[in-house]
Amino acid sequence: MNERRILVVAHARRNDTVHAAHRVVTALRTAGATPVMAAEDRAELAAADSLFADVDVLADRSHDDGVSVDDIELAIVLGGDGTILRAAELVREGTAPILGINMGHVGFLAEIERDDMDAAVARVIDRDYSVEERMALAVRVKDAAGAVVYSTWALNEVTVEKASRERMIEVMVEIDGRPLTSFGCDGMVVSTPTGATAYNFSAGGPVIWPGVEAIAVVPLSAHALFARPLVVAPGAPVAIELLDRNDGNAILWCDGRRSHELPRGARVVVRRSSRPVRLARLHPSVFTDRLVRKFHLPVSGWRGAEA
């Protein structure tokens, strides 16, 4: 029987997370599976608990002899949405789904809360879960001459933001290969449905159910009459050009984790990625219930759904 390797993603910044990681690693070993960690995580956790000192390390540029991401069956993530986004980076080149156990506050991407952790690990061992695919975004940056100078991806959102607080940026927005409008603004957010409750939400963009395939385009503090949030088809590429009349530079952020400086004349092209992010699910979930629970929405007086 092939060895089963489970990636465990956790920070050692909180005692409850260290304790949770200890329980997960112990449960995996007891079941005959091999826990694996990113080198940074293992180093941090081993400083707090010697149990982690001999956990296998995920291969990266500094650990060529580590466990290949192709050999990872699933990633168990202990943390909030930020930690889940980091886990998505770690398994991006493989096929492992991500199971989030919420150790944070809102945790829209997490599947369960920490109280259900032991049962969740048992179901991972039994392979008793389904996999949900979430749309991701592919991102390319071109310079003024049209050469691609940077490429990356995002699960939640891509943002083009002003680099200087005192200066806005002048952008041209293009949808599906056609110019739409230009204006001055603090930035632009291009979001997936998964990111609809993240930066998109804070910027006044629409809440989009995860089952909807669409891309949201939301201006940040735009100086224009036609500067409304847009919802476009998933196959429509979105381009944001920094016009030559800009006084300053801008910066590209993807999921708040990866950044790239944008000079005048840069063009950011965002389109649906051919590779989705895979989330492990233990329970059928209704997104409406998740919104109510996470935002503590008032639902008293509801008389029940129609038959």
Protein backbone atom coordinates (compact mmCIF):
# COMPACT_ATOMS: atom_id res chain seq x y z
CA MET A 1 0.00 0.00 0.00
CA ASN A 2 1.35 3.44 -0.94
CA GLU A 3 2.43 5.76 1.84
CA ARG A 4 -0.12 8.45 2.58
CA ARG A 5 1.34 11.93 3.04
CA ILE A 6 -0.79 14.68 4.54
CA LEU A 7 0.41 18.28 4.58
CA VAL A 8 -0.25 20.13 7.85
CA VAL A 9 -0.17 23.92 7.58
CA ALA A 10 -0.05 25.90 10.82
CA HIS A 11 1.78 28.77 12.51
CA ALA A 12 3.32 28.59 15.97
CA ARG A 13 2.17 32.09 16.86
CA ARG A 14 -0.64 30.92 19.17
CA ASN A 15 -0.57 28.21 21.81
CA ASP A 16 -3.94 26.81 20.75
CA THR A 17 -2.67 26.36 17.18
CA VAL A 18 0.47 24.55 18.42
CA HIS A 19 -1.73 22.26 20.53
CA ALA A 20 -4.05 21.63 17.57
CA ALA A 21 -1.13 20.81 15.28
CA HIS A 22 0.19 18.38 17.92
CA ARG A 23 -3.15 16.58 17.96
CA VAL A 24 -3.36 16.42 14.18
CA VAL A 25 0.20 15.12 13.72
CA THR A 26 -0.31 12.51 16.46
CA ALA A 27 -3.62 11.36 14.96
CA LEU A 28 -2.12 11.04 11.48
CA ARG A 29 0.81 8.99 12.73
CA THR A 30 -1.46 6.77 14.80
CA ALA A 31 -3.48 6.05 11.66
CA GLY A 32 -0.35 5.17 9.70
CA ALA A 33 -0.20 8.34 7.61
CA THR A 34 2.86 10.56 7.27
CA PRO A 35 2.49 14.22 8.28
CA VAL A 36 4.42 16.74 6.18
CA MET A 37 5.08 20.42 6.83
CA ALA A 38 6.60 23.37 5.04
CA ALA A 39 10.12 23.97 6.35
CA GLU A 40 9.19 27.33 7.89
CA ASP A 41 6.22 25.87 9.74
CA ARG A 42 8.21 22.92 11.04
CA ALA A 43 10.99 25.18 12.34
CA GLU A 44 8.53 27.43 14.18
CA LEU A 45 6.53 24.57 15.65
CA ALA A 46 9.61 22.54 16.64
CA ALA A 47 10.82 25.51 18.68
CA ALA A 48 7.59 25.28 20.67
CA ASP A 49 7.16 21.48 20.76
CA SER A 50 9.83 18.84 20.08
CA LEU A 51 7.21 16.52 18.55
CA PHE A 52 7.55 18.41 15.26
CA ALA A 53 11.34 18.12 14.97
CA ASP A 54 11.23 14.96 12.84
CA VAL A 55 8.18 15.75 10.71
CA ASP A 56 8.91 15.36 6.99
CA VAL A 57 9.49 18.57 5.04
CA LEU A 58 7.74 19.64 1.84
CA ALA A 59 10.15 20.08 -1.06
CA ASP A 60 10.94 23.66 -2.08
CA ARG A 61 13.88 25.60 -3.46
CA SER A 62 15.88 25.09 -0.25
CA HIS A 63 14.79 21.48 0.33
CA ASP A 64 15.17 19.59 -2.93
CA ASP A 65 15.11 16.26 -1.09
CA GLY A 66 11.80 16.95 0.64
CA VAL A 67 8.41 15.42 -0.12
CA SER A 68 7.15 16.39 -3.56
CA VAL A 69 3.85 18.28 -3.70
CA ASP A 70 2.72 15.64 -6.20
CA ASP A 71 2.85 13.08 -3.36
CA ILE A 72 0.62 15.10 -1.02
CA GLU A 73 -2.84 13.56 -0.68
CA LEU A 74 -4.51 16.42 1.18
CA ALA A 75 -3.59 19.56 3.14
CA ILE A 76 -5.03 20.13 6.62
CA VAL A 77 -4.89 23.83 7.45
CA LEU A 78 -5.11 25.15 11.00
CA GLY A 79 -5.89 28.86 10.89
CA GLY A 80 -8.00 31.50 9.24
CA ASP A 81 -8.43 32.48 5.61
CA GLY A 82 -4.90 33.90 5.40
CA THR A 83 -3.39 30.55 6.36
CA ILE A 84 -5.63 28.77 3.85
CA LEU A 85 -4.42 31.13 1.12
CA ARG A 86 -0.85 30.28 2.08
CA ALA A 87 -1.68 26.58 1.90
CA ALA A 88 -3.12 27.12 -1.58
CA GLU A 89 0.28 28.49 -2.59
CA LEU A 90 2.05 25.45 -1.16
CA VAL A 91 -0.06 22.91 -3.08
CA ARG A 92 -0.62 25.00 -6.21
CA GLU A 93 1.53 22.80 -8.42
CA GLY A 94 -0.13 19.59 -7.19
CA THR A 95 -3.65 18.22 -6.93
CA ALA A 96 -4.13 18.02 -3.15
CA PRO A 97 -7.40 19.47 -1.85
CA ILE A 98 -7.35 21.80 1.17
CA LEU A 99 -9.30 21.17 4.37
CA GLY A 100 -9.52 24.30 6.52
CA ILE A 101 -10.04 24.08 10.27
CA ASN A 102 -10.89 27.56 11.48
CA MET A 103 -8.64 28.84 14.25
CA GLY A 104 -9.33 32.47 13.40
CA HIS A 105 -12.39 34.69 13.45
CA VAL A 106 -14.39 34.91 10.22
CA GLY A 107 -12.87 32.01 8.29
CA PHE A 108 -15.05 31.91 5.15
CA LEU A 109 -12.80 29.36 3.45
CA ALA A 110 -12.57 27.00 6.43
CA GLU A 111 -14.77 23.92 6.39
CA ILE A 112 -15.16 23.38 10.14
CA GLU A 113 -14.47 24.96 13.51
CA ARG A 114 -11.75 23.77 15.87
CA ASP A 115 -14.21 21.86 18.09
CA ASP A 116 -14.75 19.32 15.29
CA MET A 117 -11.06 18.81 14.55
CA ASP A 118 -10.64 15.21 15.77
CA ALA A 119 -13.64 14.00 13.77
CA ALA A 120 -12.34 15.84 10.72
CA VAL A 121 -8.95 14.12 10.88
CA ALA A 122 -10.69 10.75 11.23
CA ARG A 123 -12.70 11.46 8.08
CA VAL A 124 -9.54 12.47 6.22
CA ILE A 125 -8.02 9.12 7.15
CA ASP A 126 -11.16 7.37 5.88
CA ARG A 127 -11.15 9.53 2.73
CA ASP A 128 -14.69 10.50 3.69
CA TYR A 129 -14.90 13.91 2.05
CA SER A 130 -15.89 15.53 -1.21
CA VAL A 131 -13.87 18.00 -3.27
CA GLU A 132 -15.19 21.38 -4.38
CA GLU A 133 -13.36 23.28 -7.11
CA ARG A 134 -13.13 27.06 -6.82
CA MET A 135 -12.31 29.32 -9.72
CA ALA A 136 -8.90 31.01 -9.60
CA LEU A 137 -7.50 33.91 -11.61
CA ALA A 138 -4.45 33.93 -13.89
CA VAL A 139 -2.57 37.23 -13.91
CA ARG A 140 -0.08 38.66 -16.40
CA VAL A 141 1.69 42.02 -16.27
CA LYS A 142 2.94 43.57 -19.50
CA ASP A 143 5.24 46.57 -19.79
CA ALA A 144 4.63 49.54 -22.07
CA ALA A 145 6.23 47.62 -24.95
CA GLY A 146 3.83 44.69 -24.53
CA ALA A 147 6.35 42.22 -23.06
CA VAL A 148 5.16 39.98 -20.23
CA VAL A 149 7.27 40.88 -17.18
CA TYR A 150 5.40 39.07 -14.41
CA SER A 151 2.81 36.33 -14.07
CA THR A 152 1.05 34.80 -11.08
CA TRP A 153 -2.40 33.71 -9.91
CA ALA A 154 -5.00 34.45 -7.22
CA LEU A 155 -7.81 32.63 -5.45
CA ASN A 156 -9.50 35.64 -3.83
CA GLU A 157 -8.60 38.78 -5.72
CA VAL A 158 -6.18 40.80 -7.79
CA THR A 159 -5.75 44.45 -6.85
CA VAL A 160 -4.03 47.31 -8.60
CA GLU A 161 -3.40 50.01 -6.00
CA LYS A 162 -1.67 53.37 -5.87
CA ALA A 163 1.84 53.17 -4.47
CA SER A 164 1.82 56.71 -3.03
CA ARG A 165 -0.78 57.74 -0.51
CA GLU A 166 -0.99 61.31 -1.81
CA ARG A 167 -1.52 60.43 -5.48
CA MET A 168 -4.33 58.60 -7.21
CA ILE A 169 -3.72 56.49 -10.31
CA GLU A 170 -5.23 56.96 -13.76
CA VAL A 171 -6.48 53.70 -15.26
CA MET A 172 -8.16 52.45 -18.40
CA VAL A 173 -10.52 49.53 -17.81
CA GLU A 174 -10.92 46.98 -20.60
CA ILE A 175 -13.46 44.14 -20.56
CA ASP A 176 -13.43 41.28 -23.06
CA GLY A 177 -10.95 43.01 -25.32
CA ARG A 178 -12.88 46.29 -25.53
CA PRO A 179 -12.22 49.61 -23.74
CA LEU A 180 -14.89 50.42 -21.16
CA THR A 181 -13.88 53.61 -19.37
CA SER A 182 -11.01 55.50 -17.76
CA PHE A 183 -10.84 57.40 -14.48
CA GLY A 184 -8.67 58.34 -11.55
CA CYS A 185 -8.96 56.12 -8.49
CA ASP A 186 -7.13 54.66 -5.51
CA GLY A 187 -7.13 51.27 -7.21
CA MET A 188 -9.10 48.41 -8.73
CA VAL A 189 -10.17 45.05 -7.32
CA VAL A 190 -10.77 42.06 -9.59
CA SER A 191 -12.35 39.28 -7.55
CA THR A 192 -13.54 35.69 -7.82
CA PRO A 193 -16.74 34.55 -6.11
CA THR A 194 -14.50 33.07 -3.40
CA GLY A 195 -13.02 36.51 -2.79
CA ALA A 196 -16.40 38.23 -2.81
CA THR A 197 -16.47 38.29 1.01
CA ALA A 198 -12.86 39.52 1.27
CA TYR A 199 -11.43 42.77 -0.17
CA ASN A 200 -14.26 42.94 -2.71
CA PHE A 201 -16.78 43.06 0.13
CA SER A 202 -14.89 45.81 1.98
CA ALA A 203 -14.70 47.84 -1.23
CA GLY A 204 -18.48 47.74 -1.69
CA GLY A 205 -18.52 44.98 -4.28
CA PRO A 206 -21.27 42.38 -4.61
CA VAL A 207 -21.52 39.22 -2.53
CA ILE A 208 -21.39 36.39 -5.06
CA TRP A 209 -22.44 32.86 -4.23
CA PRO A 210 -19.56 30.37 -4.77
CA GLY A 211 -21.62 28.40 -7.28
CA VAL A 212 -21.81 31.41 -9.60
CA GLU A 213 -19.09 31.56 -12.22
CA ALA A 214 -18.27 35.24 -12.62
CA ILE A 215 -15.61 37.88 -12.04
CA ALA A 216 -16.27 41.08 -10.09
CA VAL A 217 -14.51 44.33 -11.01
CA VAL A 218 -14.69 47.02 -8.32
CA PRO A 219 -13.14 50.52 -8.39
CA LEU A 220 -11.61 51.95 -5.21
CA SER A 221 -12.59 55.58 -4.57
CA ALA A 222 -12.97 56.38 -8.25
CA HIS A 223 -13.44 59.97 -9.48
CA ALA A 224 -16.05 59.26 -12.15
CA LEU A 225 -19.80 59.04 -12.66
CA PHE A 226 -19.60 55.57 -14.20
CA ALA A 227 -17.56 53.77 -11.58
CA ARG A 228 -19.81 51.02 -10.32
CA PRO A 229 -19.01 47.43 -9.37
CA LEU A 230 -19.24 45.18 -12.41
CA VAL A 231 -19.97 41.45 -12.65
CA VAL A 232 -18.61 39.97 -15.88
CA ALA A 233 -18.61 36.54 -17.47
CA PRO A 234 -15.86 34.17 -16.30
CA GLY A 235 -14.47 33.89 -19.80
CA ALA A 236 -14.14 37.65 -20.26
CA PRO A 237 -10.56 38.84 -19.69
CA VAL A 238 -10.24 42.01 -17.62
CA ALA A 239 -7.38 44.41 -18.35
CA ILE A 240 -6.32 47.44 -16.31
CA GLU A 241 -3.88 49.82 -17.96
CA LEU A 242 -1.92 52.50 -16.12
CA LEU A 243 -2.17 55.53 -18.36
CA ASP A 244 0.92 57.51 -19.30
CA ARG A 245 -0.43 60.61 -17.57
CA ASN A 246 0.06 58.99 -14.14
CA ASP A 247 2.33 60.95 -11.81
CA GLY A 248 3.31 57.94 -9.74
CA ASN A 249 3.59 54.19 -9.83
CA ALA A 250 1.14 51.52 -8.70
CA ILE A 251 1.49 48.11 -7.16
CA LEU A 252 -0.15 44.79 -7.95
CA TRP A 253 -1.26 42.52 -5.11
CA CYS A 254 -2.62 38.99 -5.43
CA ASP A 255 -4.49 37.59 -2.43
CA GLY A 256 -2.61 40.16 -0.34
CA ARG A 257 0.43 37.86 -0.50
CA ARG A 258 2.28 38.36 -3.79
CA SER A 259 3.13 41.80 -5.12
CA HIS A 260 4.78 43.45 -8.11
CA GLU A 261 5.52 47.12 -8.79
CA LEU A 262 3.75 48.64 -11.78
CA PRO A 263 5.33 51.56 -13.68
CA ARG A 264 3.44 53.94 -15.94
CA GLY A 265 2.20 52.21 -19.07
CA ALA A 266 1.94 48.80 -17.39
CA ARG A 267 -0.98 46.58 -18.36
CA VAL A 268 -2.46 44.00 -15.98
CA VAL A 269 -4.49 41.25 -17.65
CA VAL A 270 -6.67 39.05 -15.45
CA ARG A 271 -8.55 36.03 -16.73
CA ARG A 272 -9.95 32.79 -15.41
CA SER A 273 -7.21 30.29 -14.59
CA SER A 274 -7.33 26.87 -16.18
CA ARG A 275 -6.38 25.40 -12.80
CA PRO A 276 -8.94 25.76 -9.98
CA VAL A 277 -8.23 25.54 -6.26
CA ARG A 278 -9.60 22.35 -4.69
CA LEU A 279 -11.29 22.52 -1.27
CA ALA A 280 -12.13 19.40 0.75
CA ARG A 281 -15.66 19.43 2.13
CA LEU A 282 -17.02 17.26 4.95
CA HIS A 283 -20.59 18.53 5.02
CA PRO A 284 -22.99 19.84 2.38
CA SER A 285 -23.12 23.56 3.09
CA VAL A 286 -25.51 26.33 2.13
CA PHE A 287 -23.69 29.59 1.54
CA THR A 288 -26.64 31.54 2.92
CA ASP A 289 -26.17 29.84 6.29
CA ARG A 290 -22.47 30.67 6.22
CA LEU A 291 -23.22 34.36 5.62
CA VAL A 292 -25.71 34.41 8.46
CA ARG A 293 -23.29 32.69 10.83
CA LYS A 294 -20.18 34.69 9.96
CA PHE A 295 -21.83 38.11 9.89
CA HIS A 296 -24.34 37.39 12.70
CA LEU A 297 -27.21 38.44 10.45
CA PRO A 298 -30.68 38.78 12.03
CA VAL A 299 -33.04 36.02 10.84
CA SER A 300 -35.53 35.87 13.70
CA GLY A 301 -39.11 35.73 12.47
CA TRP A 302 -38.32 33.52 9.48
CA ARG A 303 -41.33 31.22 8.94
CA GLY A 304 -39.68 28.55 6.86
CA ALA A 305 -38.93 27.86 3.22
CA GLU A 306 -41.56 27.13 0.61
CA ALA A 307 -42.20 23.43 0.02
